[in-house]
PDB file of N, CA and C in Angstrom:
ATOM      1  N   MET A   1      50.855 -41.340 -52.888  1.00  0.00           N
ATOM      2  CA  MET A   1      51.110 -39.931 -52.817  1.00  0.00           C
ATOM      3  C   MET A   1      50.110 -39.189 -51.970  1.00  0.00           C
ATOM      4  N   LYS A   2      48.843 -39.681 -52.164  1.00  0.00           N
ATOM      5  CA  LYS A   2      47.715 -39.042 -51.444  1.00  0.00           C
ATOM      6  C   LYS A   2      47.811 -39.305 -49.955  1.00  0.00           C
ATOM      7  N   LYS A   3      48.299 -40.472 -49.540  1.00  0.00           N
ATOM      8  CA  LYS A   3      48.454 -40.882 -48.151  1.00  0.00           C
ATOM      9  C   LYS A   3      49.564 -40.044 -47.528  1.00  0.00           C
ATOM     10  N   VAL A   4      50.670 -39.810 -48.282  1.00  0.00           N
ATOM     11  CA  VAL A   4      51.791 -39.040 -47.695  1.00  0.00           C
ATOM     12  C   VAL A   4      51.383 -37.631 -47.442  1.00  0.00           C
ATOM     13  N   ILE A   5      50.658 -37.004 -48.349  1.00  0.00           N
ATOM     14  CA  ILE A   5      50.163 -35.637 -48.151  1.00  0.00           C
ATOM     15  C   ILE A   5      49.269 -35.630 -46.904  1.00  0.00           C
ATOM     16  N   LEU A   6      48.332 -36.559 -46.874  1.00  0.00           N
ATOM     17  CA  LEU A   6      47.380 -36.625 -45.772  1.00  0.00           C
ATOM     18  C   LEU A   6      48.103 -36.790 -44.451  1.00  0.00           C
ATOM     19  N   THR A   7      49.100 -37.645 -44.444  1.00  0.00           N
ATOM     20  CA  THR A   7      49.948 -37.961 -43.246  1.00  0.00           C
ATOM     21  C   THR A   7      50.622 -36.626 -42.820  1.00  0.00           C
ATOM     22  N   LEU A   8      51.242 -35.999 -43.734  1.00  0.00           N
ATOM     23  CA  LEU A   8      51.986 -34.762 -43.399  1.00  0.00           C
ATOM     24  C   LEU A   8      51.005 -33.649 -42.974  1.00  0.00           C
ATOM     25  N   ALA A   9      49.883 -33.571 -43.483  1.00  0.00           N
ATOM     26  CA  ALA A   9      48.830 -32.615 -43.013  1.00  0.00           C
ATOM     27  C   ALA A   9      48.461 -32.927 -41.566  1.00  0.00           C
ATOM     28  N   ILE A  10      48.232 -34.169 -41.262  1.00  0.00           N
ATOM     29  CA  ILE A  10      47.836 -34.573 -39.928  1.00  0.00           C
ATOM     30  C   ILE A  10      48.910 -34.261 -38.933  1.00  0.00           C
ATOM     31  N   LEU A  11      50.172 -34.625 -39.322  1.00  0.00           N
ATOM     32  CA  LEU A  11      51.318 -34.319 -38.462  1.00  0.00           C
ATOM     33  C   LEU A  11      51.479 -32.834 -38.146  1.00  0.00           C
ATOM     34  N   PHE A  12      51.255 -32.034 -39.166  1.00  0.00           N
ATOM     35  CA  PHE A  12      51.329 -30.575 -39.038  1.00  0.00           C
ATOM     36  C   PHE A  12      50.246 -30.066 -38.088  1.00  0.00           C
ATOM     37  N   THR A  13      49.113 -30.600 -38.293  1.00  0.00           N
ATOM     38  CA  THR A  13      47.972 -30.139 -37.401  1.00  0.00           C
ATOM     39  C   THR A  13      48.201 -30.513 -35.934  1.00  0.00           C
ATOM     40  N   VAL A  14      48.744 -31.785 -35.723  1.00  0.00           N
ATOM     41  CA  VAL A  14      48.959 -32.177 -34.409  1.00  0.00           C
ATOM     42  C   VAL A  14      50.073 -31.386 -33.728  1.00  0.00           C
ATOM     43  N   SER A  15      51.152 -31.160 -34.563  1.00  0.00           N
ATOM     44  CA  SER A  15      52.277 -30.409 -33.957  1.00  0.00           C
ATOM     45  C   SER A  15      51.894 -28.923 -33.591  1.00  0.00           C
ATOM     46  N   THR A  16      51.029 -28.341 -34.386  1.00  0.00           N
ATOM     47  CA  THR A  16      50.602 -26.982 -34.090  1.00  0.00           C
ATOM     48  C   THR A  16      49.741 -26.973 -32.824  1.00  0.00           C
ATOM     49  N   ALA A  17      48.968 -27.994 -32.701  1.00  0.00           N
ATOM     50  CA  ALA A  17      48.129 -28.048 -31.493  1.00  0.00           C
ATOM     51  C   ALA A  17      48.864 -28.265 -30.208  1.00  0.00           C
ATOM     52  N   PHE A  18      49.989 -28.956 -30.182  1.00  0.00           N
ATOM     53  CA  PHE A  18      50.767 -29.234 -29.025  1.00  0.00           C
ATOM     54  C   PHE A  18      51.880 -28.200 -28.798  1.00  0.00           C
ATOM     55  N   ILE A  19      52.277 -27.499 -29.861  1.00  0.00           N
ATOM     56  CA  ILE A  19      53.373 -26.587 -29.688  1.00  0.00           C
ATOM     57  C   ILE A  19      52.768 -25.207 -29.907  1.00  0.00           C
ATOM     58  N   GLY A  20      52.436 -24.580 -28.826  1.00  0.00           N
ATOM     59  CA  GLY A  20      51.816 -23.289 -28.892  1.00  0.00           C
ATOM     60  C   GLY A  20      52.755 -22.136 -28.457  1.00  0.00           C
ATOM     61  N   CYS A  21      52.336 -20.942 -28.694  1.00  0.00           N
ATOM     62  CA  CYS A  21      53.136 -19.833 -28.287  1.00  0.00           C
ATOM     63  C   CYS A  21      52.474 -19.112 -27.095  1.00  0.00           C
ATOM     64  N   ARG A  22      52.081 -19.937 -26.158  1.00  0.00           N
ATOM     65  CA  ARG A  22      51.393 -19.425 -24.909  1.00  0.00           C
ATOM     66  C   ARG A  22      52.403 -18.820 -23.993  1.00  0.00           C
ATOM     67  N   GLU A  23      52.025 -17.718 -23.431  1.00  0.00           N
ATOM     68  CA  GLU A  23      52.895 -17.070 -22.483  1.00  0.00           C
ATOM     69  C   GLU A  23      52.441 -17.521 -21.125  1.00  0.00           C
ATOM     70  N   GLU A  24      53.246 -18.229 -20.397  1.00  0.00           N
ATOM     71  CA  GLU A  24      52.876 -18.739 -19.125  1.00  0.00           C
ATOM     72  C   GLU A  24      53.283 -17.792 -18.046  1.00  0.00           C
ATOM     73  N   LYS A  25      52.446 -17.649 -17.029  1.00  0.00           N
ATOM     74  CA  LYS A  25      52.711 -16.730 -15.929  1.00  0.00           C
ATOM     75  C   LYS A  25      53.507 -17.447 -14.848  1.00  0.00           C
ATOM     76  N   SER A  26      54.405 -16.641 -14.278  1.00  0.00           N
ATOM     77  CA  SER A  26      55.194 -17.186 -13.127  1.00  0.00           C
ATOM     78  C   SER A  26      54.234 -17.297 -11.909  1.00  0.00           C
ATOM     79  N   THR A  27      54.739 -17.998 -10.898  1.00  0.00           N
ATOM     80  CA  THR A  27      53.836 -18.103  -9.616  1.00  0.00           C
ATOM     81  C   THR A  27      53.706 -16.786  -9.024  1.00  0.00           C
ATOM     82  N   GLY A  28      54.756 -15.928  -9.045  1.00  0.00           N
ATOM     83  CA  GLY A  28      54.621 -14.618  -8.494  1.00  0.00           C
ATOM     84  C   GLY A  28      53.538 -13.776  -9.173  1.00  0.00           C
ATOM     85  N   GLU A  29      53.531 -13.849 -10.487  1.00  0.00           N
ATOM     86  CA  GLU A  29      52.508 -13.144 -11.291  1.00  0.00           C
ATOM     87  C   GLU A  29      51.130 -13.631 -10.953  1.00  0.00           C
ATOM     88  N   LYS A  30      50.943 -14.934 -10.852  1.00  0.00           N
ATOM     89  CA  LYS A  30      49.690 -15.515 -10.454  1.00  0.00           C
ATOM     90  C   LYS A  30      49.167 -15.068  -9.190  1.00  0.00           C
ATOM     91  N   ILE A  31      50.107 -14.979  -8.230  1.00  0.00           N
ATOM     92  CA  ILE A  31      49.791 -14.585  -6.808  1.00  0.00           C
ATOM     93  C   ILE A  31      49.430 -13.117  -6.861  1.00  0.00           C
ATOM     94  N   GLU A  32      50.162 -12.293  -7.607  1.00  0.00           N
ATOM     95  CA  GLU A  32      49.876 -10.884  -7.674  1.00  0.00           C
ATOM     96  C   GLU A  32      48.544 -10.584  -8.294  1.00  0.00           C
ATOM     97  N   GLU A  33      48.246 -11.303  -9.349  1.00  0.00           N
ATOM     98  CA  GLU A  33      46.884 -11.155  -9.980  1.00  0.00           C
ATOM     99  C   GLU A  33      45.762 -11.559  -9.088  1.00  0.00           C
ATOM    100  N   THR A  34      45.975 -12.654  -8.311  1.00  0.00           N
ATOM    101  CA  THR A  34      44.968 -13.048  -7.406  1.00  0.00           C
ATOM    102  C   THR A  34      44.740 -12.070  -6.266  1.00  0.00           C
ATOM    103  N   MET A  35      45.806 -11.460  -5.810  1.00  0.00           N
ATOM    104  CA  MET A  35      45.702 -10.478  -4.725  1.00  0.00           C
ATOM    105  C   MET A  35      44.927  -9.208  -5.291  1.00  0.00           C
ATOM    106  N   GLU A  36      45.324  -8.852  -6.494  1.00  0.00           N
ATOM    107  CA  GLU A  36      44.653  -7.650  -7.026  1.00  0.00           C
ATOM    108  C   GLU A  36      43.112  -7.921  -7.167  1.00  0.00           C
ATOM    109  N   ASP A  37      42.783  -9.100  -7.658  1.00  0.00           N
ATOM    110  CA  ASP A  37      41.363  -9.427  -7.806  1.00  0.00           C
ATOM    111  C   ASP A  37      40.686  -9.427  -6.482  1.00  0.00           C
ATOM    112  N   ALA A  38      41.322 -10.048  -5.449  1.00  0.00           N
ATOM    113  CA  ALA A  38      40.747  -9.979  -4.123  1.00  0.00           C
ATOM    114  C   ALA A  38      40.569  -8.583  -3.589  1.00  0.00           C
ATOM    115  N   GLY A  39      41.517  -7.734  -3.819  1.00  0.00           N
ATOM    116  CA  GLY A  39      41.436  -6.372  -3.363  1.00  0.00           C
ATOM    117  C   GLY A  39      40.279  -5.599  -4.084  1.00  0.00           C
ATOM    118  N   ASP A  40      40.108  -5.831  -5.397  1.00  0.00           N
ATOM    119  CA  ASP A  40      39.040  -5.307  -6.059  1.00  0.00           C
ATOM    120  C   ASP A  40      37.696  -5.717  -5.549  1.00  0.00           C
ATOM    121  N   GLU A  41      37.568  -6.977  -5.193  1.00  0.00           N
ATOM    122  CA  GLU A  41      36.291  -7.499  -4.698  1.00  0.00           C
ATOM    123  C   GLU A  41      36.071  -6.920  -3.257  1.00  0.00           C
ATOM    124  N   ILE A  42      37.042  -6.785  -2.452  1.00  0.00           N
ATOM    125  CA  ILE A  42      36.868  -6.204  -1.125  1.00  0.00           C
ATOM    126  C   ILE A  42      36.432  -4.734  -1.328  1.00  0.00           C
ATOM    127  N   GLU A  43      37.052  -4.042  -2.246  1.00  0.00           N
ATOM    128  CA  GLU A  43      36.731  -2.618  -2.461  1.00  0.00           C
ATOM    129  C   GLU A  43      35.254  -2.509  -2.924  1.00  0.00           C
ATOM    130  N   ASP A  44      34.817  -3.432  -3.788  1.00  0.00           N
ATOM    131  CA  ASP A  44      33.399  -3.415  -4.265  1.00  0.00           C
ATOM    132  C   ASP A  44      32.455  -3.692  -3.133  1.00  0.00           C
ATOM    133  N   ALA A  45      32.799  -4.624  -2.286  1.00  0.00           N
ATOM    134  CA  ALA A  45      32.001  -5.004  -1.175  1.00  0.00           C
ATOM    135  C   ALA A  45      31.810  -3.772  -0.165  1.00  0.00           C
ATOM    136  N   ALA A  46      32.960  -3.119   0.037  1.00  0.00           N
ATOM    137  CA  ALA A  46      32.985  -1.923   0.928  1.00  0.00           C
ATOM    138  C   ALA A  46      32.039  -0.849   0.408  1.00  0.00           C
ATOM    139  N   ASP A  47      32.141  -0.617  -0.932  1.00  0.00           N
ATOM    140  CA  ASP A  47      31.306   0.365  -1.567  1.00  0.00           C
ATOM    141  C   ASP A  47      29.811  -0.066  -1.364  1.00  0.00           C
ATOM    142  N   ASP A  48      29.477  -1.248  -1.547  1.00  0.00           N
ATOM    143  CA  ASP A  48      28.127  -1.711  -1.434  1.00  0.00           C
ATOM    144  C   ASP A  48      27.650  -1.532   0.072  1.00  0.00           C
ATOM    145  N   VAL A  49      28.511  -1.821   1.030  1.00  0.00           N
ATOM    146  CA  VAL A  49      28.089  -1.585   2.443  1.00  0.00           C
ATOM    147  C   VAL A  49      27.877  -0.108   2.715  1.00  0.00           C
ATOM    148  N   SER A  50      28.809   0.746   2.206  1.00  0.00           N
ATOM    149  CA  SER A  50      28.715   2.144   2.398  1.00  0.00           C
ATOM    150  C   SER A  50      27.373   2.733   1.817  1.00  0.00           C
ATOM    151  N   ASP A  51      27.069   2.225   0.606  1.00  0.00           N
ATOM    152  CA  ASP A  51      25.784   2.627  -0.008  1.00  0.00           C
ATOM    153  C   ASP A  51      24.545   2.188   0.818  1.00  0.00           C
ATOM    154  N   GLU A  52      24.623   1.008   1.411  1.00  0.00           N
ATOM    155  CA  GLU A  52      23.542   0.562   2.214  1.00  0.00           C
ATOM    156  C   GLU A  52      23.429   1.371   3.509  1.00  0.00           C
ATOM    157  N   VAL A  53      24.513   1.660   4.141  1.00  0.00           N
ATOM    158  CA  VAL A  53      24.490   2.544   5.370  1.00  0.00           C
ATOM    159  C   VAL A  53      23.956   3.905   5.075  1.00  0.00           C
ATOM    160  N   GLU A  54      24.284   4.456   3.928  1.00  0.00           N
ATOM    161  CA  GLU A  54      23.783   5.754   3.591  1.00  0.00           C
ATOM    162  C   GLU A  54      22.265   5.706   3.384  1.00  0.00           C
ATOM    163  N   ASP A  55      21.802   4.643   2.620  1.00  0.00           N
ATOM    164  CA  ASP A  55      20.423   4.484   2.391  1.00  0.00           C
ATOM    165  C   ASP A  55      19.601   4.303   3.717  1.00  0.00           C
ATOM    166  N   THR A  56      20.141   3.563   4.650  1.00  0.00           N
ATOM    167  CA  THR A  56      19.515   3.327   5.836  1.00  0.00           C
ATOM    168  C   THR A  56      19.525   4.613   6.703  1.00  0.00           C
ATOM    169  N   ALA A  57      20.569   5.387   6.662  1.00  0.00           N
ATOM    170  CA  ALA A  57      20.520   6.681   7.322  1.00  0.00           C
ATOM    171  C   ALA A  57      19.523   7.607   6.725  1.00  0.00           C
ATOM    172  N   ASP A  58      19.362   7.610   5.400  1.00  0.00           N
ATOM    173  CA  ASP A  58      18.355   8.433   4.743  1.00  0.00           C
ATOM    174  C   ASP A  58      16.996   8.000   5.176  1.00  0.00           C
ATOM    175  N   ASP A  59      16.737   6.712   5.293  1.00  0.00           N
ATOM    176  CA  ASP A  59      15.432   6.186   5.650  1.00  0.00           C
ATOM    177  C   ASP A  59      15.091   6.624   7.090  1.00  0.00           C
ATOM    178  N   ILE A  60      16.096   6.503   7.957  1.00  0.00           N
ATOM    179  CA  ILE A  60      15.824   6.949   9.335  1.00  0.00           C
ATOM    180  C   ILE A  60      15.571   8.443   9.472  1.00  0.00           C
ATOM    181  N   GLU A  61      16.315   9.245   8.686  1.00  0.00           N
ATOM    182  CA  GLU A  61      16.008  10.674   8.702  1.00  0.00           C
ATOM    183  C   GLU A  61      14.594  10.974   8.166  1.00  0.00           C
ATOM    184  N   ASP A  62      14.159  10.282   7.168  1.00  0.00           N
ATOM    185  CA  ASP A  62      12.797  10.431   6.627  1.00  0.00           C
ATOM    186  C   ASP A  62      11.720  10.040   7.651  1.00  0.00           C
ATOM    187  N   GLU A  63      11.970   9.051   8.367  1.00  0.00           N
ATOM    188  CA  GLU A  63      11.016   8.590   9.427  1.00  0.00           C
ATOM    189  C   GLU A  63      10.938   9.573  10.597  1.00  0.00           C
ATOM    190  N   MET A  64      12.043  10.273  10.858  1.00  0.00           N
ATOM    191  CA  MET A  64      12.103  11.184  11.967  1.00  0.00           C
ATOM    192  C   MET A  64      11.322  12.493  11.625  1.00  0.00           C
ATOM    193  N   LYS A  65      11.161  12.813  10.413  1.00  0.00           N
ATOM    194  CA  LYS A  65      10.455  14.057   9.962  1.00  0.00           C
ATOM    195  C   LYS A  65       8.992  13.939  10.068  1.00  0.00           C
TER     196      LYS A  65
END
């Protein structure tokens, strides 16, 4: 009896590990997410460049005075 219960418990554990309720993304959704991430990274890089240009312009103005 003990072996039967143990076997059933192991089977239940294995079945729940392999049968999940994961929501899988379609290829279109994956591409869209990747494009959004790339756009965000480009925007962040542009902001960084803009900040550096402004800092350099301020430094040049300070040196001219």
